[in-house]
Amino acid sequence: MFKPLPALTIAALFSFAQTSAVLAVDGSAGHVPDNVIAAQRAKLAESTAGAVFGPQSPRDIDAAAGTNPRHFSTAPEYTRMNLCNIHFHESAEHRGGEFTRYAGNGDGKGYGTGYLYDGELSAAERAPLDHPIGTGKHGGLEPGDTIELHYVHTTAQVEPGPTLGACLSDAVMNPQLRVEAQVFVLVNDESALDFSHLTALGKRSVLHQALNIPSNTGTPVVYAGSTTGPSYNEAGSPLEVTWSVRPKVARVNIHSVGRWLDSNVFEEDHAHGVRNLVLNPALLSEITR
């Protein structure tokens, strides 16, 4: 059993809510003001206080501190689990490594925010497209955009498919979950990495696997967290996830991303929004290096 977290005072709620201002970009065109994000952080703290939620995601992978009291077993290595879903978010949900530049507050609903690749691209890599890619109600993808790709794995006996529902089964509704995360920057360059190659599927032994998860983008930061996405900006995620986030960014050909979005087993046709970075120490696990 875990002791409930002590009730937080209003002053305490806004204390760590306002720390988001350190990462904010004031006055960005089309972005909600800082107080909207601060209010969301305060609501998240209020709704999870005393509810014994486990550690949350996304987080700053360069900051190891966390005081969440709930512990769960680290999921097996992904090579011992079934790949169940692949999707990606526009901008990195996590912060750290080579993606620490804040995109701004965005629309307050997960779009136009997150973290961007810190490095430089050539004019050729940023050359405008002659056709839209990944266009949805929140716009499309452009050269120079950052994305965070999630390879989701489960201990349930399932096949890869759409949504995180593919990671559960009638026989195992509480499987262990692991996400292998890789941040990419989109470039207008056919010689860059091919997204279809990065997401190629196959079986190793009896397990469904993503065959080409990058292995040259730094030692992954492994920590205990949760599912993500902007629907959890004001509410805790109840699912326990072992995260493995690579700190270095790789270049991927934006046209290959477009081709994948046109046809994939996961029925993905656009980039997902991002959850606000979780800053409240009571909602973070401690990262052991």
Protein backbone atom coordinates (compact mmCIF):
# COMPACT_ATOMS: atom_id res chain seq x y z
CA MET A 1 0.00 0.00 0.00
CA PHE A 2 1.10 3.58 -0.63
CA LYS A 3 0.40 6.48 1.64
CA PRO A 4 -1.69 9.20 -0.04
CA LEU A 5 0.23 12.32 -0.98
CA PRO A 6 -0.47 15.20 1.41
CA ALA A 7 -3.00 17.75 0.22
CA LEU A 8 -1.31 20.64 -1.55
CA THR A 9 -2.05 24.23 -0.62
CA ILE A 10 -3.09 26.67 -3.30
CA ALA A 11 0.21 28.45 -2.83
CA ALA A 12 2.13 25.21 -3.41
CA LEU A 13 0.07 24.38 -6.48
CA PHE A 14 0.96 27.64 -8.13
CA SER A 15 4.55 27.54 -6.97
CA PHE A 16 5.52 24.67 -9.26
CA ALA A 17 2.88 25.65 -11.85
CA GLN A 18 4.70 28.92 -12.32
CA THR A 19 8.07 27.20 -12.83
CA SER A 20 6.86 26.59 -16.38
CA ALA A 21 7.51 30.26 -17.02
CA VAL A 22 11.23 29.49 -17.05
CA LEU A 23 10.68 27.40 -20.18
CA ALA A 24 8.01 29.59 -21.77
CA VAL A 25 8.24 31.89 -24.74
CA ASP A 26 6.22 34.99 -23.92
CA GLY A 27 4.22 36.70 -26.61
CA SER A 28 4.70 34.04 -29.29
CA ALA A 29 2.24 34.66 -32.11
CA GLY A 30 -0.76 32.38 -31.89
CA HIS A 31 0.31 30.89 -28.55
CA VAL A 32 -1.80 30.93 -25.42
CA PRO A 33 -0.36 33.03 -22.57
CA ASP A 34 1.74 31.49 -19.81
CA ASN A 35 -1.10 31.64 -17.29
CA VAL A 36 -3.10 29.09 -19.34
CA ILE A 37 -0.31 26.52 -19.08
CA ALA A 38 0.25 27.39 -15.41
CA ALA A 39 -3.45 26.79 -14.73
CA GLN A 40 -3.26 23.41 -16.47
CA ARG A 41 -0.27 22.44 -14.31
CA ALA A 42 -2.12 23.53 -11.18
CA LYS A 43 -5.19 21.52 -12.21
CA LEU A 44 -3.02 18.44 -12.81
CA ALA A 45 -1.51 18.79 -9.33
CA GLU A 46 -4.91 19.29 -7.74
CA SER A 47 -6.54 16.34 -9.54
CA THR A 48 -3.71 13.94 -8.64
CA ALA A 49 -3.07 15.04 -5.05
CA GLY A 50 -3.94 12.20 -2.65
CA ALA A 51 -4.98 9.92 -5.53
CA VAL A 52 -1.72 7.92 -5.45
CA PHE A 53 -1.07 8.27 -9.18
CA GLY A 54 2.16 6.72 -10.32
CA PRO A 55 4.96 8.70 -11.97
CA GLN A 56 3.97 10.63 -15.07
CA SER A 57 5.44 11.43 -18.50
CA PRO A 58 6.84 13.29 -20.40
CA ARG A 59 9.70 14.80 -18.43
CA ASP A 60 13.12 16.40 -18.71
CA ILE A 61 15.39 13.38 -19.19
CA ASP A 62 18.42 15.40 -18.09
CA ALA A 63 16.90 15.98 -14.63
CA ALA A 64 17.01 12.89 -12.42
CA ALA A 65 15.05 14.12 -9.40
CA GLY A 66 11.57 12.88 -8.55
CA THR A 67 9.66 12.11 -5.36
CA ASN A 68 6.70 10.03 -6.53
CA PRO A 69 6.31 7.20 -3.97
CA ARG A 70 4.81 4.61 -6.27
CA HIS A 71 7.11 1.96 -7.71
CA PHE A 72 6.50 -0.73 -10.32
CA SER A 73 8.69 -3.33 -11.94
CA THR A 74 10.76 -2.24 -14.93
CA ALA A 75 9.39 -3.83 -18.10
CA PRO A 76 11.60 -6.38 -19.89
CA GLU A 77 13.90 -5.26 -22.68
CA TYR A 78 11.86 -4.52 -25.80
CA THR A 79 13.44 -7.50 -27.56
CA ARG A 80 11.53 -9.70 -25.09
CA MET A 81 8.18 -8.00 -25.69
CA ASN A 82 5.70 -7.63 -28.55
CA LEU A 83 5.72 -4.43 -30.59
CA CYS A 84 2.07 -3.34 -30.50
CA ASN A 85 1.91 0.23 -31.84
CA ILE A 86 3.97 2.93 -33.53
CA HIS A 87 2.95 6.60 -33.62
CA PHE A 88 4.63 9.99 -33.39
CA HIS A 89 4.11 13.43 -31.90
CA GLU A 90 4.83 16.79 -33.53
CA SER A 91 7.71 18.27 -31.52
CA ALA A 92 9.41 16.21 -28.84
CA GLU A 93 7.25 15.53 -25.80
CA HIS A 94 10.35 14.97 -23.68
CA ARG A 95 13.00 17.60 -23.06
CA GLY A 96 16.74 16.98 -22.86
CA GLY A 97 19.67 15.73 -24.88
CA GLU A 98 19.66 17.49 -28.27
CA PHE A 99 16.05 18.70 -27.97
CA THR A 100 15.84 21.43 -25.35
CA ARG A 101 14.52 24.41 -27.34
CA TYR A 102 10.97 25.23 -26.29
CA ALA A 103 8.54 25.61 -29.20
CA GLY A 104 6.26 27.90 -27.19
CA ASN A 105 2.95 27.38 -25.43
CA GLY A 106 1.07 26.45 -28.58
CA ASP A 107 -2.71 26.35 -28.62
CA GLY A 108 -3.03 25.02 -25.08
CA LYS A 109 -4.29 21.70 -26.46
CA GLY A 110 -1.00 20.04 -27.39
CA TYR A 111 -0.23 21.58 -30.77
CA GLY A 112 2.47 24.16 -31.48
CA THR A 113 4.28 23.27 -28.26
CA GLY A 114 6.88 20.73 -27.11
CA TYR A 115 10.63 20.76 -27.72
CA LEU A 116 12.72 21.23 -30.85
CA TYR A 117 16.03 20.01 -32.20
CA ASP A 118 18.82 22.27 -30.94
CA GLY A 119 21.09 21.88 -33.98
CA GLU A 120 21.34 23.66 -37.31
CA LEU A 121 20.04 22.55 -40.71
CA SER A 122 21.19 23.62 -44.14
CA ALA A 123 19.03 25.69 -46.48
CA ALA A 124 18.66 22.61 -48.70
CA GLU A 125 17.43 20.50 -45.76
CA ARG A 126 14.85 23.18 -44.97
CA ALA A 127 13.74 23.67 -48.59
CA PRO A 128 9.94 24.09 -48.81
CA LEU A 129 7.77 21.20 -49.97
CA ASP A 130 5.90 21.19 -53.26
CA HIS A 131 3.01 19.20 -51.74
CA PRO A 132 1.47 18.89 -48.24
CA ILE A 133 2.52 16.08 -45.88
CA GLY A 134 0.59 14.85 -42.85
CA THR A 135 -2.03 17.57 -43.09
CA GLY A 136 -4.75 17.46 -40.46
CA LYS A 137 -6.96 19.94 -38.64
CA HIS A 138 -3.87 21.26 -36.84
CA GLY A 139 -1.82 21.71 -40.00
CA GLY A 140 0.85 19.60 -41.64
CA LEU A 141 4.53 18.79 -41.36
CA GLU A 142 7.33 20.94 -42.76
CA PRO A 143 11.09 20.50 -43.20
CA GLY A 144 12.80 21.51 -39.98
CA ASP A 145 10.01 20.17 -37.77
CA THR A 146 10.90 17.89 -34.86
CA ILE A 147 8.96 14.71 -34.12
CA GLU A 148 9.13 12.14 -31.32
CA LEU A 149 8.51 8.57 -32.47
CA HIS A 150 7.13 6.03 -29.99
CA TYR A 151 7.68 2.32 -30.46
CA VAL A 152 5.19 0.85 -27.96
CA HIS A 153 5.76 -2.66 -26.59
CA THR A 154 3.65 -4.97 -24.43
CA THR A 155 3.93 -8.29 -22.63
CA ALA A 156 0.46 -9.21 -23.94
CA GLN A 157 0.23 -11.68 -26.81
CA VAL A 158 -1.05 -9.31 -29.48
CA GLU A 159 -0.30 -8.18 -33.01
CA PRO A 160 0.71 -4.64 -34.00
CA GLY A 161 -2.29 -2.42 -34.66
CA PRO A 162 -4.00 0.96 -34.29
CA THR A 163 -4.01 2.92 -31.01
CA LEU A 164 -2.76 1.86 -27.62
CA GLY A 165 -5.72 -0.49 -27.45
CA ALA A 166 -3.64 -2.84 -29.60
CA CYS A 167 -1.32 -3.28 -26.59
CA LEU A 168 -4.05 -4.90 -24.47
CA SER A 169 -5.90 -8.16 -24.86
CA ASP A 170 -8.92 -9.86 -23.32
CA ALA A 171 -6.53 -12.29 -21.65
CA VAL A 172 -4.12 -9.63 -20.31
CA MET A 173 -5.65 -6.24 -19.51
CA ASN A 174 -2.75 -5.11 -17.31
CA PRO A 175 0.39 -6.00 -19.29
CA GLN A 176 3.75 -4.43 -18.72
CA LEU A 177 4.36 -1.62 -21.21
CA ARG A 178 7.57 -0.15 -22.59
CA VAL A 179 8.08 2.73 -25.01
CA GLU A 180 11.30 3.09 -26.98
CA ALA A 181 11.38 6.78 -27.95
CA GLN A 182 13.44 8.41 -30.68
CA VAL A 183 13.42 12.10 -31.65
CA PHE A 184 13.91 13.01 -35.32
CA VAL A 185 14.21 16.24 -37.27
CA LEU A 186 12.47 16.27 -40.65
CA VAL A 187 14.63 17.24 -43.63
CA ASN A 188 13.95 17.69 -47.33
CA ASP A 189 16.65 15.19 -48.29
CA GLU A 190 16.06 11.84 -49.95
CA SER A 191 19.44 10.61 -48.67
CA ALA A 192 18.39 11.00 -45.02
CA LEU A 193 16.95 8.10 -43.02
CA ASP A 194 13.91 6.38 -44.49
CA PHE A 195 10.90 6.32 -42.18
CA SER A 196 9.54 3.09 -43.65
CA HIS A 197 12.85 1.40 -42.87
CA LEU A 198 12.77 2.77 -39.31
CA THR A 199 9.27 1.38 -38.79
CA ALA A 200 9.71 -1.94 -40.62
CA LEU A 201 8.00 -4.83 -38.83
CA GLY A 202 8.85 -8.49 -38.55
CA LYS A 203 9.10 -11.39 -36.17
CA ARG A 204 12.13 -12.40 -34.15
CA SER A 205 11.45 -15.82 -32.70
CA VAL A 206 7.74 -15.59 -31.80
CA LEU A 207 7.71 -11.86 -30.98
CA HIS A 208 6.52 -8.98 -33.13
CA GLN A 209 9.33 -6.46 -33.42
CA ALA A 210 10.27 -3.15 -35.00
CA LEU A 211 13.35 -4.34 -36.83
CA ASN A 212 15.30 -1.09 -37.14
CA ILE A 213 15.01 0.90 -33.91
CA PRO A 214 18.04 3.24 -33.93
CA SER A 215 21.00 2.07 -31.86
CA ASN A 216 23.40 4.95 -32.56
CA THR A 217 21.61 7.90 -30.94
CA GLY A 218 23.09 7.73 -27.46
CA THR A 219 22.49 5.64 -24.37
CA PRO A 220 18.74 5.71 -23.67
CA VAL A 221 17.51 7.29 -20.45
CA VAL A 222 15.27 4.71 -18.78
CA TYR A 223 12.67 5.78 -16.23
CA ALA A 224 9.25 4.90 -14.81
CA GLY A 225 6.41 6.97 -16.20
CA SER A 226 3.01 6.86 -17.88
CA THR A 227 1.23 7.27 -21.18
CA THR A 228 1.31 10.78 -22.63
CA GLY A 229 -0.71 13.05 -24.91
CA PRO A 230 -2.52 16.36 -24.26
CA SER A 231 -5.63 14.65 -22.84
CA TYR A 232 -3.57 14.29 -19.64
CA ASN A 233 -2.64 17.97 -19.29
CA GLU A 234 -5.05 18.28 -16.35
CA ALA A 235 -5.49 14.64 -15.29
CA GLY A 236 -3.14 11.86 -14.28
CA SER A 237 -2.50 8.92 -16.60
CA PRO A 238 -3.20 5.63 -14.79
CA LEU A 239 -1.07 3.38 -17.02
CA GLU A 240 2.43 2.36 -15.92
CA VAL A 241 5.07 2.62 -18.64
CA THR A 242 8.80 1.98 -18.69
CA TRP A 243 10.34 4.65 -20.90
CA SER A 244 13.60 4.43 -22.85
CA VAL A 245 14.37 7.81 -24.45
CA ARG A 246 17.37 8.32 -26.70
CA PRO A 247 19.12 11.68 -26.19
CA LYS A 248 20.42 12.33 -29.70
CA VAL A 249 18.38 13.47 -32.71
CA ALA A 250 18.54 11.78 -36.13
CA ARG A 251 17.62 13.27 -39.52
CA VAL A 252 14.76 11.60 -41.39
CA ASN A 253 13.55 12.25 -44.93
CA ILE A 254 10.22 14.07 -44.66
CA HIS A 255 8.96 12.54 -47.92
CA SER A 256 9.40 9.05 -46.46
CA VAL A 257 7.30 10.13 -43.48
CA GLY A 258 4.59 11.21 -45.90
CA ARG A 259 4.66 7.88 -47.68
CA TRP A 260 4.32 6.05 -44.34
CA LEU A 261 1.39 8.22 -43.30
CA ASP A 262 -0.36 7.33 -46.56
CA SER A 263 -0.32 3.62 -45.70
CA ASN A 264 0.58 1.85 -42.45
CA VAL A 265 -0.88 -0.92 -40.30
CA PHE A 266 -1.36 1.51 -37.41
CA GLU A 267 -3.77 3.72 -39.40
CA GLU A 268 -1.71 6.79 -38.52
CA ASP A 269 -2.22 9.75 -40.87
CA HIS A 270 -1.01 12.75 -38.85
CA ALA A 271 1.23 13.76 -35.96
CA HIS A 272 -0.22 13.66 -32.45
CA GLY A 273 -0.16 16.57 -30.01
CA VAL A 274 2.06 16.64 -26.94
CA ARG A 275 1.36 16.68 -23.22
CA ASN A 276 2.79 19.51 -21.16
CA LEU A 277 6.16 18.62 -19.69
CA VAL A 278 5.57 17.28 -16.18
CA LEU A 279 7.47 19.45 -13.68
CA ASN A 280 5.84 18.59 -10.35
CA PRO A 281 8.41 16.44 -8.43
CA ALA A 282 5.56 14.55 -6.73
CA LEU A 283 4.54 13.25 -10.17
CA LEU A 284 8.03 12.19 -11.26
CA SER A 285 10.08 9.10 -10.54
CA GLU A 286 13.74 9.35 -9.65
CA ILE A 287 15.97 8.44 -12.59
CA THR A 288 18.82 6.15 -11.63
CA ARG A 289 21.74 6.52 -14.01
